[in-house]
Amino acid sequence: MKSILITGCNRGLGLGLVKTLLKSDSPPKNLITTCRSVDKASELQQLASQHKNVHIIPLGTFYA
């Protein structure tokens, strides 16, 4: 796999999917993860510090 984008990675299903992909026999070259608040994503930040292929992007939807 080359690149995968996963939304909602600070907890729950998104974080679980990140962990599963990192443990796979052929992890993606780039694992692009998003969450609304990077400050609240301590476990995701820890994974990113251990795996150079994990990239965190703050992403939220806002309505006017």
PDB file of N, CA and C in Angstrom:
ATOM      1  N   MET A   1       0.836  -1.186   0.000  1.00  0.00           N
ATOM      2  CA  MET A   1       0.000   0.000   0.000  1.00  0.00           C
ATOM      3  C   MET A   1       0.878   1.245   0.000  1.00  0.00           C
ATOM      4  N   LYS A   2       0.463   2.231  -0.744  1.00  0.00           N
ATOM      5  CA  LYS A   2       1.252   3.460  -0.803  1.00  0.00           C
ATOM      6  C   LYS A   2       0.851   4.447   0.273  1.00  0.00           C
ATOM      7  N   SER A   3      -0.371   4.966   0.206  1.00  0.00           N
ATOM      8  CA  SER A   3      -0.819   5.967   1.167  1.00  0.00           C
ATOM      9  C   SER A   3      -2.261   5.720   1.549  1.00  0.00           C
ATOM     10  N   ILE A   4      -2.570   5.986   2.819  1.00  0.00           N
ATOM     11  CA  ILE A   4      -3.936   5.845   3.322  1.00  0.00           C
ATOM     12  C   ILE A   4      -4.252   7.077   4.158  1.00  0.00           C
ATOM     13  N   LEU A   5      -5.467   7.613   3.992  1.00  0.00           N
ATOM     14  CA  LEU A   5      -5.951   8.743   4.778  1.00  0.00           C
ATOM     15  C   LEU A   5      -7.055   8.230   5.689  1.00  0.00           C
ATOM     16  N   ILE A   6      -6.916   8.490   6.993  1.00  0.00           N
ATOM     17  CA  ILE A   6      -7.921   8.074   7.970  1.00  0.00           C
ATOM     18  C   ILE A   6      -8.339   9.298   8.775  1.00  0.00           C
ATOM     19  N   THR A   7      -9.633   9.504   8.915  1.00  0.00           N
ATOM     20  CA  THR A   7     -10.137  10.630   9.704  1.00  0.00           C
ATOM     21  C   THR A   7     -10.540  10.152  11.094  1.00  0.00           C
ATOM     22  N   GLY A   8     -10.565  11.070  12.049  1.00  0.00           N
ATOM     23  CA  GLY A   8     -11.001  10.753  13.408  1.00  0.00           C
ATOM     24  C   GLY A   8     -10.070   9.792  14.128  1.00  0.00           C
ATOM     25  N   CYS A   9      -8.791  10.078  14.138  1.00  0.00           N
ATOM     26  CA  CYS A   9      -7.797   9.131  14.647  1.00  0.00           C
ATOM     27  C   CYS A   9      -7.366   9.359  16.088  1.00  0.00           C
ATOM     28  N   ASN A  10      -8.002  10.270  16.803  1.00  0.00           N
ATOM     29  CA  ASN A  10      -7.566  10.494  18.176  1.00  0.00           C
ATOM     30  C   ASN A  10      -8.083   9.427  19.138  1.00  0.00           C
ATOM     31  N   ARG A  11      -9.116   8.661  18.726  1.00  0.00           N
ATOM     32  CA  ARG A  11      -9.640   7.588  19.585  1.00  0.00           C
ATOM     33  C   ARG A  11     -10.556   6.683  18.768  1.00  0.00           C
ATOM     34  N   GLY A  12     -11.054   5.659  19.384  1.00  0.00           N
ATOM     35  CA  GLY A  12     -12.058   4.791  18.769  1.00  0.00           C
ATOM     36  C   GLY A  12     -11.600   4.045  17.540  1.00  0.00           C
ATOM     37  N   LEU A  13     -12.511   3.943  16.579  1.00  0.00           N
ATOM     38  CA  LEU A  13     -12.249   3.168  15.364  1.00  0.00           C
ATOM     39  C   LEU A  13     -11.075   3.697  14.555  1.00  0.00           C
ATOM     40  N   GLY A  14     -10.960   5.005  14.449  1.00  0.00           N
ATOM     41  CA  GLY A  14      -9.860   5.586  13.685  1.00  0.00           C
ATOM     42  C   GLY A  14      -8.505   5.218  14.253  1.00  0.00           C
ATOM     43  N   LEU A  15      -8.352   5.359  15.569  1.00  0.00           N
ATOM     44  CA  LEU A  15      -7.091   5.008  16.223  1.00  0.00           C
ATOM     45  C   LEU A  15      -6.838   3.507  16.124  1.00  0.00           C
ATOM     46  N   GLY A  16      -7.890   2.717  16.279  1.00  0.00           N
ATOM     47  CA  GLY A  16      -7.752   1.267  16.146  1.00  0.00           C
ATOM     48  C   GLY A  16      -7.288   0.857  14.757  1.00  0.00           C
ATOM     49  N   LEU A  17      -7.803   1.518  13.748  1.00  0.00           N
ATOM     50  CA  LEU A  17      -7.395   1.216  12.374  1.00  0.00           C
ATOM     51  C   LEU A  17      -5.927   1.584  12.149  1.00  0.00           C
ATOM     52  N   VAL A  18      -5.493   2.690  12.712  1.00  0.00           N
ATOM     53  CA  VAL A  18      -4.088   3.091  12.604  1.00  0.00           C
ATOM     54  C   VAL A  18      -3.197   2.005  13.210  1.00  0.00           C
ATOM     55  N   LYS A  19      -3.548   1.543  14.406  1.00  0.00           N
ATOM     56  CA  LYS A  19      -2.756   0.507  15.077  1.00  0.00           C
ATOM     57  C   LYS A  19      -2.723  -0.780  14.258  1.00  0.00           C
ATOM     58  N   THR A  20      -3.863  -1.164  13.707  1.00  0.00           N
ATOM     59  CA  THR A  20      -3.940  -2.385  12.907  1.00  0.00           C
ATOM     60  C   THR A  20      -3.069  -2.282  11.660  1.00  0.00           C
ATOM     61  N   LEU A  21      -3.138  -1.160  10.976  1.00  0.00           N
ATOM     62  CA  LEU A  21      -2.338  -0.975   9.761  1.00  0.00           C
ATOM     63  C   LEU A  21      -0.840  -0.966  10.060  1.00  0.00           C
ATOM     64  N   LEU A  22      -0.460  -0.393  11.189  1.00  0.00           N
ATOM     65  CA  LEU A  22       0.958  -0.355  11.544  1.00  0.00           C
ATOM     66  C   LEU A  22       1.505  -1.742  11.858  1.00  0.00           C
ATOM     67  N   LYS A  23       0.638  -2.636  12.334  1.00  0.00           N
ATOM     68  CA  LYS A  23       1.059  -3.999  12.664  1.00  0.00           C
ATOM     69  C   LYS A  23       0.992  -4.945  11.468  1.00  0.00           C
ATOM     70  N   SER A  24       0.436  -4.492  10.360  1.00  0.00           N
ATOM     71  CA  SER A  24       0.254  -5.376   9.202  1.00  0.00           C
ATOM     72  C   SER A  24       1.596  -5.748   8.583  1.00  0.00           C
ATOM     73  N   ASP A  25       1.581  -6.829   7.796  1.00  0.00           N
ATOM     74  CA  ASP A  25       2.801  -7.303   7.138  1.00  0.00           C
ATOM     75  C   ASP A  25       3.349  -6.290   6.138  1.00  0.00           C
ATOM     76  N   SER A  26       2.455  -5.528   5.532  1.00  0.00           N
ATOM     77  CA  SER A  26       2.900  -4.493   4.585  1.00  0.00           C
ATOM     78  C   SER A  26       2.217  -3.169   4.935  1.00  0.00           C
ATOM     79  N   PRO A  27       2.761  -2.465   5.930  1.00  0.00           N
ATOM     80  CA  PRO A  27       2.155  -1.188   6.320  1.00  0.00           C
ATOM     81  C   PRO A  27       2.262  -0.163   5.198  1.00  0.00           C
ATOM     82  N   PRO A  28       1.341   0.803   5.161  1.00  0.00           N
ATOM     83  CA  PRO A  28       1.384   1.819   4.103  1.00  0.00           C
ATOM     84  C   PRO A  28       2.638   2.675   4.193  1.00  0.00           C
ATOM     85  N   LYS A  29       3.086   3.132   3.042  1.00  0.00           N
ATOM     86  CA  LYS A  29       4.257   4.008   2.992  1.00  0.00           C
ATOM     87  C   LYS A  29       3.960   5.319   3.718  1.00  0.00           C
ATOM     88  N   ASN A  30       2.758   5.834   3.544  1.00  0.00           N
ATOM     89  CA  ASN A  30       2.306   7.050   4.222  1.00  0.00           C
ATOM     90  C   ASN A  30       0.951   6.785   4.847  1.00  0.00           C
ATOM     91  N   LEU A  31       0.861   7.007   6.142  1.00  0.00           N
ATOM     92  CA  LEU A  31      -0.399   6.870   6.851  1.00  0.00           C
ATOM     93  C   LEU A  31      -0.774   8.266   7.329  1.00  0.00           C
ATOM     94  N   ILE A  32      -1.689   8.888   6.616  1.00  0.00           N
ATOM     95  CA  ILE A  32      -2.087  10.267   6.897  1.00  0.00           C
ATOM     96  C   ILE A  32      -3.288  10.216   7.830  1.00  0.00           C
ATOM     97  N   THR A  33      -3.091  10.723   9.037  1.00  0.00           N
ATOM     98  CA  THR A  33      -4.139  10.662  10.051  1.00  0.00           C
ATOM     99  C   THR A  33      -4.639  12.071  10.342  1.00  0.00           C
ATOM    100  N   THR A  34      -5.928  12.184  10.635  1.00  0.00           N
ATOM    101  CA  THR A  34      -6.496  13.490  10.950  1.00  0.00           C
ATOM    102  C   THR A  34      -7.285  13.407  12.249  1.00  0.00           C
ATOM    103  N   CYS A  35      -7.355  14.532  12.934  1.00  0.00           N
ATOM    104  CA  CYS A  35      -8.186  14.664  14.127  1.00  0.00           C
ATOM    105  C   CYS A  35      -8.452  16.150  14.344  1.00  0.00           C
ATOM    106  N   ARG A  36      -9.520  16.444  15.061  1.00  0.00           N
ATOM    107  CA  ARG A  36      -9.870  17.842  15.286  1.00  0.00           C
ATOM    108  C   ARG A  36      -8.864  18.543  16.187  1.00  0.00           C
ATOM    109  N   SER A  37      -8.435  17.869  17.238  1.00  0.00           N
ATOM    110  CA  SER A  37      -7.510  18.486  18.193  1.00  0.00           C
ATOM    111  C   SER A  37      -6.306  17.576  18.401  1.00  0.00           C
ATOM    112  N   VAL A  38      -5.184  17.979  17.857  1.00  0.00           N
ATOM    113  CA  VAL A  38      -3.955  17.188  17.989  1.00  0.00           C
ATOM    114  C   VAL A  38      -3.528  17.133  19.457  1.00  0.00           C
ATOM    115  N   ASP A  39      -3.834  18.176  20.221  1.00  0.00           N
ATOM    116  CA  ASP A  39      -3.484  18.210  21.646  1.00  0.00           C
ATOM    117  C   ASP A  39      -4.139  17.077  22.434  1.00  0.00           C
ATOM    118  N   LYS A  40      -5.311  16.639  21.994  1.00  0.00           N
ATOM    119  CA  LYS A  40      -6.035  15.574  22.688  1.00  0.00           C
ATOM    120  C   LYS A  40      -5.718  14.183  22.124  1.00  0.00           C
ATOM    121  N   ALA A  41      -4.787  14.110  21.200  1.00  0.00           N
ATOM    122  CA  ALA A  41      -4.457  12.846  20.541  1.00  0.00           C
ATOM    123  C   ALA A  41      -3.086  12.338  20.986  1.00  0.00           C
ATOM    124  N   SER A  42      -2.917  12.187  22.292  1.00  0.00           N
ATOM    125  CA  SER A  42      -1.596  11.816  22.820  1.00  0.00           C
ATOM    126  C   SER A  42      -1.145  10.439  22.336  1.00  0.00           C
ATOM    127  N   GLU A  43      -2.052   9.485  22.274  1.00  0.00           N
ATOM    128  CA  GLU A  43      -1.671   8.143  21.812  1.00  0.00           C
ATOM    129  C   GLU A  43      -1.280   8.169  20.334  1.00  0.00           C
ATOM    130  N   LEU A  44      -1.988   8.940  19.544  1.00  0.00           N
ATOM    131  CA  LEU A  44      -1.655   9.085  18.130  1.00  0.00           C
ATOM    132  C   LEU A  44      -0.300   9.777  17.971  1.00  0.00           C
ATOM    133  N   GLN A  45      -0.037  10.791  18.780  1.00  0.00           N
ATOM    134  CA  GLN A  45       1.256  11.475  18.736  1.00  0.00           C
ATOM    135  C   GLN A  45       2.390  10.515  19.088  1.00  0.00           C
ATOM    136  N   GLN A  46       2.146   9.636  20.040  1.00  0.00           N
ATOM    137  CA  GLN A  46       3.155   8.653  20.432  1.00  0.00           C
ATOM    138  C   GLN A  46       3.439   7.695  19.273  1.00  0.00           C
ATOM    139  N   LEU A  47       2.381   7.237  18.597  1.00  0.00           N
ATOM    140  CA  LEU A  47       2.559   6.353  17.444  1.00  0.00           C
ATOM    141  C   LEU A  47       3.340   7.066  16.334  1.00  0.00           C
ATOM    142  N   ALA A  48       3.032   8.333  16.120  1.00  0.00           N
ATOM    143  CA  ALA A  48       3.728   9.098  15.075  1.00  0.00           C
ATOM    144  C   ALA A  48       5.212   9.270  15.403  1.00  0.00           C
ATOM    145  N   SER A  49       5.531   9.386  16.682  1.00  0.00           N
ATOM    146  CA  SER A  49       6.942   9.536  17.056  1.00  0.00           C
ATOM    147  C   SER A  49       7.702   8.223  16.887  1.00  0.00           C
ATOM    148  N   GLN A  50       6.985   7.102  16.934  1.00  0.00           N
ATOM    149  CA  GLN A  50       7.614   5.788  16.796  1.00  0.00           C
ATOM    150  C   GLN A  50       7.649   5.293  15.356  1.00  0.00           C
ATOM    151  N   HIS A  51       6.771   5.827  14.512  1.00  0.00           N
ATOM    152  CA  HIS A  51       6.659   5.366  13.121  1.00  0.00           C
ATOM    153  C   HIS A  51       6.740   6.575  12.193  1.00  0.00           C
ATOM    154  N   LYS A  52       7.790   6.635  11.404  1.00  0.00           N
ATOM    155  CA  LYS A  52       8.017   7.787  10.526  1.00  0.00           C
ATOM    156  C   LYS A  52       6.994   7.891   9.396  1.00  0.00           C
ATOM    157  N   ASN A  53       6.224   6.837   9.143  1.00  0.00           N
ATOM    158  CA  ASN A  53       5.233   6.873   8.067  1.00  0.00           C
ATOM    159  C   ASN A  53       3.887   7.433   8.536  1.00  0.00           C
ATOM    160  N   VAL A  54       3.750   7.771   9.822  1.00  0.00           N
ATOM    161  CA  VAL A  54       2.497   8.330  10.353  1.00  0.00           C
ATOM    162  C   VAL A  54       2.603   9.850  10.365  1.00  0.00           C
ATOM    163  N   HIS A  55       1.645  10.489   9.716  1.00  0.00           N
ATOM    164  CA  HIS A  55       1.607  11.955   9.622  1.00  0.00           C
ATOM    165  C   HIS A  55       0.264  12.424  10.197  1.00  0.00           C
ATOM    166  N   ILE A  56       0.303  13.390  11.101  1.00  0.00           N
ATOM    167  CA  ILE A  56      -0.915  13.904  11.736  1.00  0.00           C
ATOM    168  C   ILE A  56      -1.253  15.268  11.158  1.00  0.00           C
ATOM    169  N   ILE A  57      -2.515  15.417  10.748  1.00  0.00           N
ATOM    170  CA  ILE A  57      -3.005  16.688  10.214  1.00  0.00           C
ATOM    171  C   ILE A  57      -4.245  17.093  11.011  1.00  0.00           C
ATOM    172  N   PRO A  58      -4.225  18.277  11.624  1.00  0.00           N
ATOM    173  CA  PRO A  58      -5.436  18.746  12.300  1.00  0.00           C
ATOM    174  C   PRO A  58      -6.506  19.058  11.259  1.00  0.00           C
ATOM    175  N   LEU A  59      -7.708  18.531  11.495  1.00  0.00           N
ATOM    176  CA  LEU A  59      -8.786  18.707  10.524  1.00  0.00           C
ATOM    177  C   LEU A  59     -10.118  18.758  11.256  1.00  0.00           C
ATOM    178  N   GLY A  60     -10.878  19.795  10.998  1.00  0.00           N
ATOM    179  CA  GLY A  60     -12.194  19.926  11.603  1.00  0.00           C
ATOM    180  C   GLY A  60     -13.157  20.551  10.622  1.00  0.00           C
ATOM    181  N   THR A  61     -14.423  20.320  10.863  1.00  0.00           N
ATOM    182  CA  THR A  61     -15.436  20.958  10.029  1.00  0.00           C
ATOM    183  C   THR A  61     -16.139  22.010  10.881  1.00  0.00           C
ATOM    184  N   PHE A  62     -16.271  23.167  10.325  1.00  0.00           N
ATOM    185  CA  PHE A  62     -16.884  24.270  11.041  1.00  0.00           C
ATOM    186  C   PHE A  62     -17.999  24.859  10.189  1.00  0.00           C
ATOM    187  N   TYR A  63     -19.083  25.175  10.841  1.00  0.00           N
ATOM    188  CA  TYR A  63     -20.230  25.740  10.143  1.00  0.00           C
ATOM    189  C   TYR A  63     -20.425  27.191  10.562  1.00  0.00           C
ATOM    190  N   ALA A  64     -20.704  28.050   9.623  1.00  0.00           N
ATOM    191  CA  ALA A  64     -20.900  29.474   9.917  1.00  0.00           C
ATOM    192  C   ALA A  64     -22.315  29.739  10.336  1.00  0.00           C
TER     193      ALA A  64
END
